Structure formats: structure tokens, C-alpha cells
């Protein structure tokens, strides 16, 4: 168990992402962003999980329903 708080861990991660040269996630094509996230997870040596729950949803917006998906 570590003594760092989750907030400190997230702050450190966001600082690392902000310091990374190159385009932001918003400027990348979806597959480029996915590859960047995979590389970031590999760098952090974060454990993966084979038990992921995927759920499809419909979010109601003022303009039209929006299909979305969550991964837990």
C-alpha cells in the first residue's frame, strides 16, 4: 500500500501528460489517442484487468439522443 493519495497520483499523471510534447488528445485521431493511452499505461506499469464490464447507454440531450458506452 502506498502513502500517496489518489488525488496526488492523478495530479502527477496529469502533470506528466501536460509535459509530454506533441498534440493533445483533442487534436489526435481516435486511434492515435488510443495508442497514446496504451503507451501511457505501459509506462506507468499499471496492472491490466481482463474483467471489464462494458455497458451501452443512451444519453438524452436537447438536440437528440446520444449513444455512449462505459467501461468499468
PDB file of N, CA and C in Angstrom:
ATOM      1  N   UNK A   1       0.848  -1.186   0.000  1.00  0.00           N
ATOM      2  CA  UNK A   1       0.000   0.000   0.000  1.00  0.00           C
ATOM      3  C   UNK A   1       0.889   1.243   0.000  1.00  0.00           C
ATOM      4  N   UNK A   2       0.497   2.242  -0.757  1.00  0.00           N
ATOM      5  CA  UNK A   2       1.294   3.460  -0.832  1.00  0.00           C
ATOM      6  C   UNK A   2       0.704   4.526   0.073  1.00  0.00           C
ATOM      7  N   UNK A   3       1.538   5.513   0.385  1.00  0.00           N
ATOM      8  CA  UNK A   3       1.067   6.597   1.241  1.00  0.00           C
ATOM      9  C   UNK A   3       0.524   7.766   0.420  1.00  0.00           C
ATOM     10  N   UNK A   4       0.674   7.702  -0.882  1.00  0.00           N
ATOM     11  CA  UNK A   4       0.174   8.786  -1.728  1.00  0.00           C
ATOM     12  C   UNK A   4      -1.336   8.709  -1.850  1.00  0.00           C
ATOM     13  N   UNK A   5      -1.947   9.854  -1.908  1.00  0.00           N
ATOM     14  CA  UNK A   5      -3.398   9.886  -2.072  1.00  0.00           C
ATOM     15  C   UNK A   5      -3.744   9.732  -3.551  1.00  0.00           C
ATOM     16  N   UNK A   6      -4.946   9.263  -3.845  1.00  0.00           N
ATOM     17  CA  UNK A   6      -5.351   9.182  -5.260  1.00  0.00           C
ATOM     18  C   UNK A   6      -5.274  10.531  -5.957  1.00  0.00           C
ATOM     19  N   UNK A   7      -5.608  11.597  -5.244  1.00  0.00           N
ATOM     20  CA  UNK A   7      -5.553  12.923  -5.850  1.00  0.00           C
ATOM     21  C   UNK A   7      -4.128  13.263  -6.266  1.00  0.00           C
ATOM     22  N   UNK A   8      -3.153  12.947  -5.409  1.00  0.00           N
ATOM     23  CA  UNK A   8      -1.756  13.215  -5.744  1.00  0.00           C
ATOM     24  C   UNK A   8      -1.328  12.383  -6.947  1.00  0.00           C
ATOM     25  N   UNK A   9      -1.767  11.137  -7.011  1.00  0.00           N
ATOM     26  CA  UNK A   9      -1.435  10.282  -8.147  1.00  0.00           C
ATOM     27  C   UNK A   9      -2.016  10.835  -9.442  1.00  0.00           C
ATOM     28  N   UNK A  10      -3.260  11.274  -9.389  1.00  0.00           N
ATOM     29  CA  UNK A  10      -3.909  11.824 -10.585  1.00  0.00           C
ATOM     30  C   UNK A  10      -3.233  13.125 -10.987  1.00  0.00           C
ATOM     31  N   UNK A  11      -2.896  13.955 -10.020  1.00  0.00           N
ATOM     32  CA  UNK A  11      -2.205  15.213 -10.309  1.00  0.00           C
ATOM     33  C   UNK A  11      -0.867  14.943 -10.984  1.00  0.00           C
ATOM     34  N   UNK A  12      -0.123  13.962 -10.478  1.00  0.00           N
ATOM     35  CA  UNK A  12       1.164  13.614 -11.081  1.00  0.00           C
ATOM     36  C   UNK A  12       0.976  13.120 -12.514  1.00  0.00           C
ATOM     37  N   UNK A  13      -0.043  12.317 -12.737  1.00  0.00           N
ATOM     38  CA  UNK A  13      -0.320  11.813 -14.082  1.00  0.00           C
ATOM     39  C   UNK A  13      -0.680  12.957 -15.026  1.00  0.00           C
ATOM     40  N   UNK A  14      -1.545  13.860 -14.586  1.00  0.00           N
ATOM     41  CA  UNK A  14      -1.943  14.986 -15.432  1.00  0.00           C
ATOM     42  C   UNK A  14      -0.763  15.901 -15.728  1.00  0.00           C
ATOM     43  N   UNK A  15       0.123  16.100 -14.740  1.00  0.00           N
ATOM     44  CA  UNK A  15       1.329  16.901 -14.968  1.00  0.00           C
ATOM     45  C   UNK A  15       2.218  16.247 -16.020  1.00  0.00           C
ATOM     46  N   UNK A  16       2.345  14.912 -15.951  1.00  0.00           N
ATOM     47  CA  UNK A  16       3.157  14.184 -16.917  1.00  0.00           C
ATOM     48  C   UNK A  16       2.565  14.316 -18.321  1.00  0.00           C
ATOM     49  N   UNK A  17       1.248  14.174 -18.428  1.00  0.00           N
ATOM     50  CA  UNK A  17       0.590  14.291 -19.736  1.00  0.00           C
ATOM     51  C   UNK A  17       0.774  15.700 -20.291  1.00  0.00           C
ATOM     52  N   UNK A  18       0.634  16.712 -19.452  1.00  0.00           N
ATOM     53  CA  UNK A  18       0.772  18.099 -19.903  1.00  0.00           C
ATOM     54  C   UNK A  18       2.191  18.397 -20.379  1.00  0.00           C
ATOM     55  N   UNK A  19       3.189  17.744 -19.781  1.00  0.00           N
ATOM     56  CA  UNK A  19       4.584  17.986 -20.143  1.00  0.00           C
ATOM     57  C   UNK A  19       5.026  17.197 -21.371  1.00  0.00           C
ATOM     58  N   UNK A  20       4.205  16.285 -21.837  1.00  0.00           N
ATOM     59  CA  UNK A  20       4.563  15.452 -22.979  1.00  0.00           C
ATOM     60  C   UNK A  20       4.468  16.271 -24.264  1.00  0.00           C
ATOM     61  N   UNK A  21       5.547  16.269 -25.072  1.00  0.00           N
ATOM     62  CA  UNK A  21       5.474  17.012 -26.333  1.00  0.00           C
ATOM     63  C   UNK A  21       4.525  16.327 -27.319  1.00  0.00           C
ATOM     64  N   UNK A  22       4.034  17.107 -28.242  1.00  0.00           N
ATOM     65  CA  UNK A  22       3.150  16.546 -29.261  1.00  0.00           C
ATOM     66  C   UNK A  22       1.741  17.072 -29.115  1.00  0.00           C
ATOM     67  N   UNK A  23       0.853  16.576 -29.959  1.00  0.00           N
ATOM     68  CA  UNK A  23      -0.530  17.068 -29.945  1.00  0.00           C
ATOM     69  C   UNK A  23      -1.283  16.615 -28.699  1.00  0.00           C
ATOM     70  N   UNK A  24      -2.300  17.370 -28.336  1.00  0.00           N
ATOM     71  CA  UNK A  24      -3.155  16.984 -27.216  1.00  0.00           C
ATOM     72  C   UNK A  24      -4.107  15.887 -27.682  1.00  0.00           C
ATOM     73  N   UNK A  25      -4.760  15.231 -26.730  1.00  0.00           N
ATOM     74  CA  UNK A  25      -5.726  14.196 -27.092  1.00  0.00           C
ATOM     75  C   UNK A  25      -6.817  14.759 -28.003  1.00  0.00           C
ATOM     76  N   UNK A  26      -7.216  16.002 -27.771  1.00  0.00           N
ATOM     77  CA  UNK A  26      -8.270  16.618 -28.583  1.00  0.00           C
ATOM     78  C   UNK A  26      -7.834  16.815 -30.034  1.00  0.00           C
ATOM     79  N   UNK A  27      -6.529  16.910 -30.262  1.00  0.00           N
ATOM     80  CA  UNK A  27      -6.009  17.120 -31.614  1.00  0.00           C
ATOM     81  C   UNK A  27      -5.717  15.814 -32.356  1.00  0.00           C
ATOM     82  N   UNK A  28      -5.784  14.688 -31.652  1.00  0.00           N
ATOM     83  CA  UNK A  28      -5.459  13.390 -32.247  1.00  0.00           C
ATOM     84  C   UNK A  28      -6.688  12.740 -32.870  1.00  0.00           C
ATOM     85  N   UNK A  29      -6.423  11.868 -33.833  1.00  0.00           N
ATOM     86  CA  UNK A  29      -7.464  10.990 -34.342  1.00  0.00           C
ATOM     87  C   UNK A  29      -7.748   9.954 -33.252  1.00  0.00           C
ATOM     88  N   UNK A  30      -8.939   9.377 -33.210  1.00  0.00           N
ATOM     89  CA  UNK A  30      -9.269   8.426 -32.139  1.00  0.00           C
ATOM     90  C   UNK A  30      -8.248   7.298 -31.965  1.00  0.00           C
ATOM     91  N   UNK A  31      -7.783   6.694 -33.055  1.00  0.00           N
ATOM     92  CA  UNK A  31      -6.829   5.589 -32.915  1.00  0.00           C
ATOM     93  C   UNK A  31      -5.491   6.078 -32.365  1.00  0.00           C
ATOM     94  N   UNK A  32      -5.078   7.292 -32.727  1.00  0.00           N
ATOM     95  CA  UNK A  32      -3.849   7.858 -32.171  1.00  0.00           C
ATOM     96  C   UNK A  32      -3.987   8.048 -30.661  1.00  0.00           C
ATOM     97  N   UNK A  33      -5.138   8.545 -30.225  1.00  0.00           N
ATOM     98  CA  UNK A  33      -5.370   8.751 -28.795  1.00  0.00           C
ATOM     99  C   UNK A  33      -5.371   7.420 -28.055  1.00  0.00           C
ATOM    100  N   UNK A  34      -5.983   6.395 -28.651  1.00  0.00           N
ATOM    101  CA  UNK A  34      -5.985   5.070 -28.018  1.00  0.00           C
ATOM    102  C   UNK A  34      -4.564   4.550 -27.856  1.00  0.00           C
ATOM    103  N   UNK A  35      -3.738   4.704 -28.893  1.00  0.00           N
ATOM    104  CA  UNK A  35      -2.353   4.250 -28.819  1.00  0.00           C
ATOM    105  C   UNK A  35      -1.590   5.021 -27.749  1.00  0.00           C
ATOM    106  N   UNK A  36      -1.843   6.325 -27.640  1.00  0.00           N
ATOM    107  CA  UNK A  36      -1.173   7.138 -26.629  1.00  0.00           C
ATOM    108  C   UNK A  36      -1.559   6.679 -25.224  1.00  0.00           C
ATOM    109  N   UNK A  37      -2.824   6.361 -25.017  1.00  0.00           N
ATOM    110  CA  UNK A  37      -3.269   5.883 -23.704  1.00  0.00           C
ATOM    111  C   UNK A  37      -2.633   4.533 -23.402  1.00  0.00           C
ATOM    112  N   UNK A  38      -2.583   3.643 -24.397  1.00  0.00           N
ATOM    113  CA  UNK A  38      -1.935   2.338 -24.179  1.00  0.00           C
ATOM    114  C   UNK A  38      -0.474   2.515 -23.784  1.00  0.00           C
ATOM    115  N   UNK A  39       0.222   3.413 -24.473  1.00  0.00           N
ATOM    116  CA  UNK A  39       1.629   3.670 -24.159  1.00  0.00           C
ATOM    117  C   UNK A  39       1.771   4.246 -22.758  1.00  0.00           C
ATOM    118  N   UNK A  40       0.849   5.124 -22.364  1.00  0.00           N
ATOM    119  CA  UNK A  40       0.898   5.721 -21.032  1.00  0.00           C
ATOM    120  C   UNK A  40       0.683   4.651 -19.961  1.00  0.00           C
ATOM    121  N   UNK A  41      -0.251   3.750 -20.182  1.00  0.00           N
ATOM    122  CA  UNK A  41      -0.500   2.670 -19.224  1.00  0.00           C
ATOM    123  C   UNK A  41       0.737   1.790 -19.109  1.00  0.00           C
ATOM    124  N   UNK A  42       1.376   1.492 -20.249  1.00  0.00           N
ATOM    125  CA  UNK A  42       2.595   0.688 -20.220  1.00  0.00           C
ATOM    126  C   UNK A  42       3.698   1.391 -19.436  1.00  0.00           C
ATOM    127  N   UNK A  43       3.833   2.720 -19.621  1.00  0.00           N
ATOM    128  CA  UNK A  43       4.853   3.479 -18.893  1.00  0.00           C
ATOM    129  C   UNK A  43       4.603   3.453 -17.395  1.00  0.00           C
ATOM    130  N   UNK A  44       3.349   3.508 -17.004  1.00  0.00           N
ATOM    131  CA  UNK A  44       3.004   3.545 -15.583  1.00  0.00           C
ATOM    132  C   UNK A  44       3.070   2.169 -14.946  1.00  0.00           C
ATOM    133  N   UNK A  45       3.245   1.144 -15.763  1.00  0.00           N
ATOM    134  CA  UNK A  45       3.280  -0.229 -15.279  1.00  0.00           C
ATOM    135  C   UNK A  45       2.017  -0.547 -14.487  1.00  0.00           C
ATOM    136  N   UNK A  46       0.904  -0.022 -14.969  1.00  0.00           N
ATOM    137  CA  UNK A  46      -0.380  -0.243 -14.296  1.00  0.00           C
ATOM    138  C   UNK A  46      -0.882  -1.646 -14.603  1.00  0.00           C
ATOM    139  N   UNK A  47      -1.424  -2.314 -13.608  1.00  0.00           N
ATOM    140  CA  UNK A  47      -1.941  -3.658 -13.868  1.00  0.00           C
ATOM    141  C   UNK A  47      -3.182  -3.591 -14.754  1.00  0.00           C
ATOM    142  N   UNK A  48      -3.273  -4.497 -15.675  1.00  0.00           N
ATOM    143  CA  UNK A  48      -4.445  -4.571 -16.534  1.00  0.00           C
ATOM    144  C   UNK A  48      -5.504  -5.440 -15.885  1.00  0.00           C
ATOM    145  N   UNK A  49      -6.660  -5.428 -16.450  1.00  0.00           N
ATOM    146  CA  UNK A  49      -7.741  -6.253 -15.936  1.00  0.00           C
ATOM    147  C   UNK A  49      -8.426  -6.939 -17.101  1.00  0.00           C
ATOM    148  N   UNK A  50      -8.613  -8.227 -16.965  1.00  0.00           N
ATOM    149  CA  UNK A  50      -9.342  -8.943 -18.008  1.00  0.00           C
ATOM    150  C   UNK A  50     -10.836  -8.939 -17.715  1.00  0.00           C
ATOM    151  N   UNK A  51     -11.214  -8.421 -16.565  1.00  0.00           N
ATOM    152  CA  UNK A  51     -12.618  -8.383 -16.170  1.00  0.00           C
ATOM    153  C   UNK A  51     -13.154  -6.962 -16.310  1.00  0.00           C
ATOM    154  N   UNK A  52     -13.557  -6.627 -17.498  1.00  0.00           N
ATOM    155  CA  UNK A  52     -14.089  -5.301 -17.775  1.00  0.00           C
ATOM    156  C   UNK A  52     -15.556  -5.443 -18.134  1.00  0.00           C
ATOM    157  N   UNK A  53     -16.373  -4.608 -17.516  1.00  0.00           N
ATOM    158  CA  UNK A  53     -17.795  -4.591 -17.823  1.00  0.00           C
ATOM    159  C   UNK A  53     -18.059  -3.455 -18.797  1.00  0.00           C
ATOM    160  N   UNK A  54     -18.665  -3.773 -19.920  1.00  0.00           N
ATOM    161  CA  UNK A  54     -18.993  -2.778 -20.935  1.00  0.00           C
ATOM    162  C   UNK A  54     -20.508  -2.629 -20.966  1.00  0.00           C
ATOM    163  N   UNK A  55     -20.970  -1.385 -20.930  1.00  0.00           N
ATOM    164  CA  UNK A  55     -22.413  -1.140 -20.970  1.00  0.00           C
ATOM    165  C   UNK A  55     -22.709  -0.022 -21.963  1.00  0.00           C
ATOM    166  N   UNK A  56     -23.679  -0.248 -22.822  1.00  0.00           N
ATOM    167  CA  UNK A  56     -24.130   0.772 -23.763  1.00  0.00           C
ATOM    168  C   UNK A  56     -25.296   1.540 -23.150  1.00  0.00           C
ATOM    169  N   UNK A  57     -25.320   2.842 -23.408  1.00  0.00           N
ATOM    170  CA  UNK A  57     -26.348   3.720 -22.846  1.00  0.00           C
ATOM    171  C   UNK A  57     -26.842   4.672 -23.925  1.00  0.00           C
ATOM    172  N   UNK A  58     -27.933   5.321 -23.649  1.00  0.00           N
ATOM    173  CA  UNK A  58     -28.419   6.425 -24.471  1.00  0.00           C
ATOM    174  C   UNK A  58     -28.567   7.622 -23.549  1.00  0.00           C
ATOM    175  N   UNK A  59     -27.807   8.675 -23.859  1.00  0.00           N
ATOM    176  CA  UNK A  59     -27.880   9.913 -23.086  1.00  0.00           C
ATOM    177  C   UNK A  59     -28.803  10.871 -23.835  1.00  0.00           C
ATOM    178  N   UNK A  60     -29.803  11.356 -23.148  1.00  0.00           N
ATOM    179  CA  UNK A  60     -30.748  12.281 -23.774  1.00  0.00           C
ATOM    180  C   UNK A  60     -30.174  13.687 -23.725  1.00  0.00           C
ATOM    181  N   UNK A  61     -30.108  14.328 -24.879  1.00  0.00           N
ATOM    182  CA  UNK A  61     -29.620  15.697 -24.966  1.00  0.00           C
ATOM    183  C   UNK A  61     -30.736  16.558 -25.547  1.00  0.00           C
ATOM    184  N   UNK A  62     -30.619  17.867 -25.442  1.00  0.00           N
ATOM    185  CA  UNK A  62     -31.661  18.730 -26.002  1.00  0.00           C
ATOM    186  C   UNK A  62     -31.839  18.550 -27.511  1.00  0.00           C
ATOM    187  N   UNK A  63     -30.754  18.198 -28.215  1.00  0.00           N
ATOM    188  CA  UNK A  63     -30.830  18.070 -29.675  1.00  0.00           C
ATOM    189  C   UNK A  63     -31.278  16.694 -30.139  1.00  0.00           C
ATOM    190  N   UNK A  64     -30.720  15.657 -29.546  1.00  0.00           N
ATOM    191  CA  UNK A  64     -31.023  14.286 -29.988  1.00  0.00           C
ATOM    192  C   UNK A  64     -30.426  13.299 -28.997  1.00  0.00           C
ATOM    193  N   UNK A  65     -30.920  12.075 -28.983  1.00  0.00           N
ATOM    194  CA  UNK A  65     -30.301  11.061 -28.131  1.00  0.00           C
ATOM    195  C   UNK A  65     -28.860  10.799 -28.593  1.00  0.00           C
ATOM    196  N   UNK A  66     -27.990  10.534 -27.650  1.00  0.00           N
ATOM    197  CA  UNK A  66     -26.580  10.295 -27.935  1.00  0.00           C
ATOM    198  C   UNK A  66     -26.193   8.934 -27.379  1.00  0.00           C
ATOM    199  N   UNK A  67     -25.748   8.046 -28.251  1.00  0.00           N
ATOM    200  CA  UNK A  67     -25.312   6.730 -27.794  1.00  0.00           C
ATOM    201  C   UNK A  67     -23.937   6.863 -27.148  1.00  0.00           C
ATOM    202  N   UNK A  68     -23.746   6.199 -26.016  1.00  0.00           N
ATOM    203  CA  UNK A  68     -22.460   6.233 -25.335  1.00  0.00           C
ATOM    204  C   UNK A  68     -22.189   4.871 -24.710  1.00  0.00           C
ATOM    205  N   UNK A  69     -20.954   4.657 -24.318  1.00  0.00           N
ATOM    206  CA  UNK A  69     -20.544   3.373 -23.759  1.00  0.00           C
ATOM    207  C   UNK A  69     -19.659   3.639 -22.544  1.00  0.00           C
ATOM    208  N   UNK A  70     -19.850   2.852 -21.491  1.00  0.00           N
ATOM    209  CA  UNK A  70     -18.987   2.941 -20.314  1.00  0.00           C
ATOM    210  C   UNK A  70     -18.213   1.642 -20.166  1.00  0.00           C
ATOM    211  N   UNK A  71     -17.013   1.771 -19.648  1.00  0.00           N
ATOM    212  CA  UNK A  71     -16.152   0.627 -19.366  1.00  0.00           C
ATOM    213  C   UNK A  71     -15.814   0.664 -17.888  1.00  0.00           C
ATOM    214  N   UNK A  72     -16.183  -0.368 -17.160  1.00  0.00           N
ATOM    215  CA  UNK A  72     -15.916  -0.436 -15.726  1.00  0.00           C
ATOM    216  C   UNK A  72     -15.143  -1.687 -15.407  1.00  0.00           C
TER     217      UNK A  72
END
